[in-house]
């Protein structure tokens, strides 16, 4: 009787957390969802909630303007994703045996794609806002995580890996030898083809590719962001919060247009 009561209460918490997360465009409800999920995973290794927590941190960081606070949230998201991956038996065994995550990550299959994706997504966003030295320190890790996402399913989460590599090839420091606006556009084009209703892809295309020093396409920058602002954010009910956020980002980028295109 006692164990049943605890389980039922826990299930109620989980359902409430998931319901709150559907309203993640409201920061107060998202914050409440995160607190509930943090409490749940502190008590039990619930795979679904652990993955959702990593994703929730990723979205929570979008609301934060302070760079250091934003970095801290993305770091939480990365660690939350790592905690999920460590519950995957094949990965945990390979990591323990080979001592290298780069090799262990090759054992992750499609059934654990969600844990891999949100770990990689949070780490990539952390690197985007980190210092030059910090970016270089995690570059190799970011690559092998996203390379595995590409191998498993490039269309996962609305062409997420194409979106990542579109930004990667445009923003990676030139010293690495990988900065390539041609490859960047190729990846963004694939991402837009895979999921045209996911507006964040267009926002990142405008921000990373259109402003690239070798591109500087002001007309395309304006056209792309105005398309985002004019888009119907309700076209996909599962993406309403993400698309609302993308519209706000588009407005901010347009307001920064002059400084972004300064010679």
Protein backbone atom coordinates (compact mmCIF):
# COMPACT_ATOMS: atom_id res chain seq x y z
CA UNK A 1 0.00 0.00 0.00
CA UNK A 2 2.79 2.41 0.92
CA UNK A 3 4.84 1.72 -2.21
CA UNK A 4 1.76 2.07 -4.41
CA UNK A 5 0.99 5.47 -2.89
CA UNK A 6 4.53 6.72 -3.53
CA UNK A 7 4.40 5.48 -7.12
CA UNK A 8 1.01 7.09 -7.76
CA UNK A 9 2.21 10.39 -6.31
CA UNK A 10 5.34 10.22 -8.45
CA UNK A 11 3.24 9.54 -11.55
CA UNK A 12 1.08 12.56 -10.74
CA UNK A 13 4.23 14.70 -10.51
CA UNK A 14 5.42 13.41 -13.87
CA UNK A 15 2.14 14.16 -15.60
CA UNK A 16 2.04 17.65 -14.07
CA UNK A 17 5.64 18.33 -15.18
CA UNK A 18 4.89 17.20 -18.74
CA UNK A 19 1.72 19.30 -18.85
CA UNK A 20 3.58 22.38 -17.60
CA UNK A 21 6.25 21.82 -20.26
CA UNK A 22 3.65 22.04 -23.03
CA UNK A 23 3.26 25.69 -21.92
CA UNK A 24 7.02 26.34 -22.00
CA UNK A 25 6.57 29.65 -23.81
CA UNK A 26 5.42 30.94 -20.39
CA UNK A 27 8.64 31.19 -18.37
CA UNK A 28 6.85 30.81 -15.02
CA UNK A 29 5.29 27.51 -16.10
CA UNK A 30 8.58 26.35 -17.60
CA UNK A 31 10.42 27.18 -14.37
CA UNK A 32 7.82 25.22 -12.41
CA UNK A 33 8.18 22.27 -14.78
CA UNK A 34 11.96 22.31 -14.35
CA UNK A 35 11.68 22.33 -10.55
CA UNK A 36 9.28 19.40 -10.63
CA UNK A 37 11.51 17.44 -12.99
CA UNK A 38 14.59 18.17 -10.88
CA UNK A 39 12.75 16.74 -7.89
CA UNK A 40 11.68 13.64 -9.79
CA UNK A 41 15.12 12.77 -11.16
CA UNK A 42 16.65 13.34 -7.72
CA UNK A 43 14.49 10.46 -6.47
CA UNK A 44 14.54 8.08 -9.44
CA UNK A 45 16.19 7.55 -12.82
CA UNK A 46 13.12 8.09 -14.97
CA UNK A 47 14.43 8.10 -18.55
CA UNK A 48 11.59 10.13 -20.07
CA UNK A 49 11.75 12.87 -17.43
CA UNK A 50 15.56 12.97 -17.50
CA UNK A 51 15.50 13.61 -21.25
CA UNK A 52 12.72 16.16 -20.90
CA UNK A 53 14.71 17.98 -18.20
CA UNK A 54 17.69 18.33 -20.55
CA UNK A 55 15.38 19.73 -23.23
CA UNK A 56 13.69 22.02 -20.70
CA UNK A 57 17.00 23.55 -19.67
CA UNK A 58 17.77 24.21 -23.33
CA UNK A 59 14.55 26.16 -23.75
CA UNK A 60 14.88 27.86 -20.37
CA UNK A 61 18.23 29.31 -21.42
CA UNK A 62 16.51 31.00 -24.38
CA UNK A 63 14.75 33.36 -21.96
CA UNK A 64 17.98 34.45 -20.27
CA UNK A 65 19.76 37.58 -21.51
CA UNK A 66 22.66 37.49 -19.05
CA UNK A 67 25.44 35.53 -20.76
CA UNK A 68 26.88 33.93 -17.64
CA UNK A 69 23.45 32.79 -16.46
CA UNK A 70 22.68 31.50 -19.95
CA UNK A 71 25.94 29.51 -19.98
CA UNK A 72 25.11 28.06 -16.54
CA UNK A 73 21.71 26.82 -17.75
CA UNK A 74 23.16 25.24 -20.90
CA UNK A 75 25.74 23.57 -18.67
CA UNK A 76 22.90 22.14 -16.57
CA UNK A 77 21.26 20.93 -19.77
CA UNK A 78 24.45 19.23 -20.90
CA UNK A 79 24.93 17.53 -17.54
CA UNK A 80 21.30 16.43 -17.49
CA UNK A 81 21.80 14.84 -20.90
CA UNK A 82 24.99 13.15 -19.74
CA UNK A 83 23.10 11.71 -16.77
CA UNK A 84 20.60 10.10 -19.15
CA UNK A 85 23.31 8.71 -21.43
CA UNK A 86 24.99 7.13 -18.41
CA UNK A 87 21.82 5.09 -17.81
CA UNK A 88 22.11 3.54 -21.29
CA UNK A 89 23.70 0.16 -20.67
CA UNK A 90 25.74 -0.20 -23.89
CA UNK A 91 27.08 3.33 -23.63
CA UNK A 92 27.95 3.03 -19.94
CA UNK A 93 29.75 -0.29 -20.47
CA UNK A 94 31.69 0.99 -23.50
CA UNK A 95 32.66 4.17 -21.69
CA UNK A 96 33.91 2.22 -18.69
CA UNK A 97 35.83 -0.25 -20.83
CA UNK A 98 37.34 2.11 -23.39
CA UNK A 99 37.64 5.15 -21.11
CA UNK A 100 36.75 7.41 -24.03
CA UNK A 101 33.34 8.92 -24.67
CA UNK A 102 34.19 9.39 -28.35
CA UNK A 103 34.26 5.60 -28.79
CA UNK A 104 31.37 4.88 -26.42
CA UNK A 105 29.05 7.26 -28.26
CA UNK A 106 29.24 4.96 -31.31
CA UNK A 107 27.23 2.38 -29.35
CA UNK A 108 24.23 4.68 -28.96
CA UNK A 109 21.30 3.61 -31.14
CA UNK A 110 18.17 5.33 -32.39
CA UNK A 111 16.26 4.27 -29.27
CA UNK A 112 18.42 6.69 -27.26
CA UNK A 113 18.60 9.40 -29.90
CA UNK A 114 16.71 11.84 -27.67
CA UNK A 115 19.31 11.68 -24.89
CA UNK A 116 22.15 12.08 -27.37
CA UNK A 117 20.47 14.95 -29.20
CA UNK A 118 19.75 17.12 -26.15
CA UNK A 119 23.19 16.54 -24.71
CA UNK A 120 24.72 17.65 -28.00
CA UNK A 121 22.29 20.57 -28.40
CA UNK A 122 22.98 22.02 -24.95
CA UNK A 123 26.73 21.64 -25.34
CA UNK A 124 26.66 23.33 -28.76
CA UNK A 125 24.66 26.26 -27.41
CA UNK A 126 27.00 26.54 -24.43
CA UNK A 127 29.92 26.77 -26.86
CA UNK A 128 28.15 29.40 -28.96
CA UNK A 129 28.13 31.82 -26.01
CA UNK A 130 31.41 30.69 -24.43
CA UNK A 131 34.82 32.33 -24.77
CA UNK A 132 37.13 31.54 -27.69
CA UNK A 133 39.29 29.28 -25.51
CA UNK A 134 36.25 27.46 -24.15
CA UNK A 135 34.89 26.93 -27.67
CA UNK A 136 38.11 25.24 -28.74
CA UNK A 137 38.20 23.10 -25.60
CA UNK A 138 34.90 21.38 -26.46
CA UNK A 139 35.11 21.45 -30.27
CA UNK A 140 36.17 17.81 -30.67
CA UNK A 141 33.46 16.60 -28.31
CA UNK A 142 30.78 18.62 -30.04
CA UNK A 143 31.81 17.13 -33.37
CA UNK A 144 31.69 13.48 -32.36
CA UNK A 145 28.34 13.90 -30.61
CA UNK A 146 26.78 15.59 -33.62
CA UNK A 147 28.49 13.24 -36.07
CA UNK A 148 26.69 10.39 -34.30
CA UNK A 149 23.37 12.24 -34.53
CA UNK A 150 23.99 12.62 -38.27
CA UNK A 151 24.73 8.91 -38.62
CA UNK A 152 21.59 7.88 -36.76
CA UNK A 153 18.96 10.27 -38.13
CA UNK A 154 19.70 13.69 -39.66
CA UNK A 155 15.98 14.52 -39.72
CA UNK A 156 15.55 14.06 -35.96
CA UNK A 157 13.93 17.04 -34.22
CA UNK A 158 13.07 18.90 -37.41
CA UNK A 159 16.40 18.46 -39.15
CA UNK A 160 18.31 19.40 -36.02
CA UNK A 161 21.68 18.13 -37.16
CA UNK A 162 21.48 20.14 -40.39
CA UNK A 163 20.65 23.21 -38.32
CA UNK A 164 23.62 22.54 -36.08
CA UNK A 165 26.12 22.04 -38.90
CA UNK A 166 24.75 25.06 -40.75
CA UNK A 167 25.67 27.14 -37.74
CA UNK A 168 28.85 25.21 -37.06
CA UNK A 169 30.46 25.80 -40.46
CA UNK A 170 29.53 29.49 -40.31
CA UNK A 171 30.61 30.18 -36.72
CA UNK A 172 33.47 27.79 -35.91
CA UNK A 173 36.70 29.77 -35.41
CA UNK A 174 38.68 30.12 -38.64
CA UNK A 175 41.79 28.81 -36.88
CA UNK A 176 40.21 25.33 -36.97
CA UNK A 177 40.22 25.27 -40.76
CA UNK A 178 36.55 24.24 -40.80
CA UNK A 179 34.86 27.61 -41.22
CA UNK A 180 33.12 27.24 -44.59
CA UNK A 181 30.09 29.34 -45.66
CA UNK A 182 29.44 27.08 -48.67
CA UNK A 183 29.03 24.03 -46.43
CA UNK A 184 27.01 26.17 -44.02
CA UNK A 185 24.46 27.06 -46.69
CA UNK A 186 24.30 23.45 -47.89
CA UNK A 187 23.41 22.29 -44.37
CA UNK A 188 20.84 25.05 -43.83
CA UNK A 189 19.19 24.24 -47.16
CA UNK A 190 18.84 20.61 -46.10
CA UNK A 191 17.44 21.66 -42.74
CA UNK A 192 14.86 23.95 -44.33
CA UNK A 193 13.85 21.19 -46.74
CA UNK A 194 13.51 18.68 -43.89
CA UNK A 195 11.32 20.90 -41.69
CA UNK A 196 10.21 24.19 -43.31
CA UNK A 197 7.83 24.95 -40.42
CA UNK A 198 10.58 24.98 -37.79
CA UNK A 199 11.33 28.70 -37.80
CA UNK A 200 14.52 28.56 -35.73
CA UNK A 201 16.34 27.17 -38.78
CA UNK A 202 15.62 30.36 -40.71
CA UNK A 203 16.63 32.52 -37.76
CA UNK A 204 19.98 30.77 -37.44
CA UNK A 205 20.46 30.91 -41.22
CA UNK A 206 20.04 34.69 -41.12
CA UNK A 207 22.16 35.11 -38.01
CA UNK A 208 25.06 32.79 -38.90
CA UNK A 209 25.16 32.51 -42.69
CA UNK A 210 23.80 35.83 -43.99
CA UNK A 211 26.12 37.83 -41.70
CA UNK A 212 29.20 35.71 -42.44
CA UNK A 213 32.18 37.94 -43.43
CA UNK A 214 32.42 36.20 -46.81
CA UNK A 215 28.67 36.44 -47.47
CA UNK A 216 27.24 39.64 -45.97
CA UNK A 217 23.85 39.23 -47.67
CA UNK A 218 21.78 42.01 -46.11
CA UNK A 219 18.84 41.56 -48.47
CA UNK A 220 18.56 37.83 -47.68
CA UNK A 221 18.98 38.57 -43.98
CA UNK A 222 15.98 40.93 -44.06
CA UNK A 223 13.88 38.67 -46.30
CA UNK A 224 14.46 35.58 -44.17
CA UNK A 225 13.73 37.26 -40.85
CA UNK A 226 10.63 39.01 -42.17
CA UNK A 227 9.38 35.61 -43.37
CA UNK A 228 9.78 34.32 -39.83
CA UNK A 229 7.91 37.28 -38.35
CA UNK A 230 5.07 36.87 -40.85
CA UNK A 231 4.80 33.11 -40.42
CA UNK A 232 1.89 31.33 -38.74
CA UNK A 233 3.38 30.08 -35.48
CA UNK A 234 0.41 27.75 -34.98
CA UNK A 235 0.94 25.69 -38.13
CA UNK A 236 2.37 22.87 -36.00
CA UNK A 237 0.86 22.68 -32.51
CA UNK A 238 3.90 20.86 -31.11
CA UNK A 239 6.14 23.74 -32.19
CA UNK A 240 4.16 26.76 -31.06
CA UNK A 241 6.53 27.66 -28.17
CA UNK A 242 9.66 27.22 -30.32
CA UNK A 243 8.17 29.19 -33.18
CA UNK A 244 7.05 32.01 -30.89
CA UNK A 245 10.60 32.20 -29.56
CA UNK A 246 11.95 32.23 -33.12
CA UNK A 247 9.74 35.21 -34.00
CA UNK A 248 11.08 37.17 -31.01
CA UNK A 249 14.65 36.31 -32.01
CA UNK A 250 13.97 37.46 -35.57
CA UNK A 251 12.74 40.83 -34.31
CA UNK A 252 15.84 41.27 -32.14
CA UNK A 253 18.17 40.40 -35.02
CA UNK A 254 16.48 42.89 -37.32
CA UNK A 255 16.94 45.54 -34.63
CA UNK A 256 20.67 44.69 -34.61
CA UNK A 257 20.99 44.76 -38.40
CA UNK A 258 23.14 47.89 -38.62
CA UNK A 259 25.83 46.61 -36.25
CA UNK A 260 25.78 43.11 -37.74
CA UNK A 261 26.55 44.47 -41.19
CA UNK A 262 29.06 47.13 -40.22
CA UNK A 263 32.20 46.98 -42.31
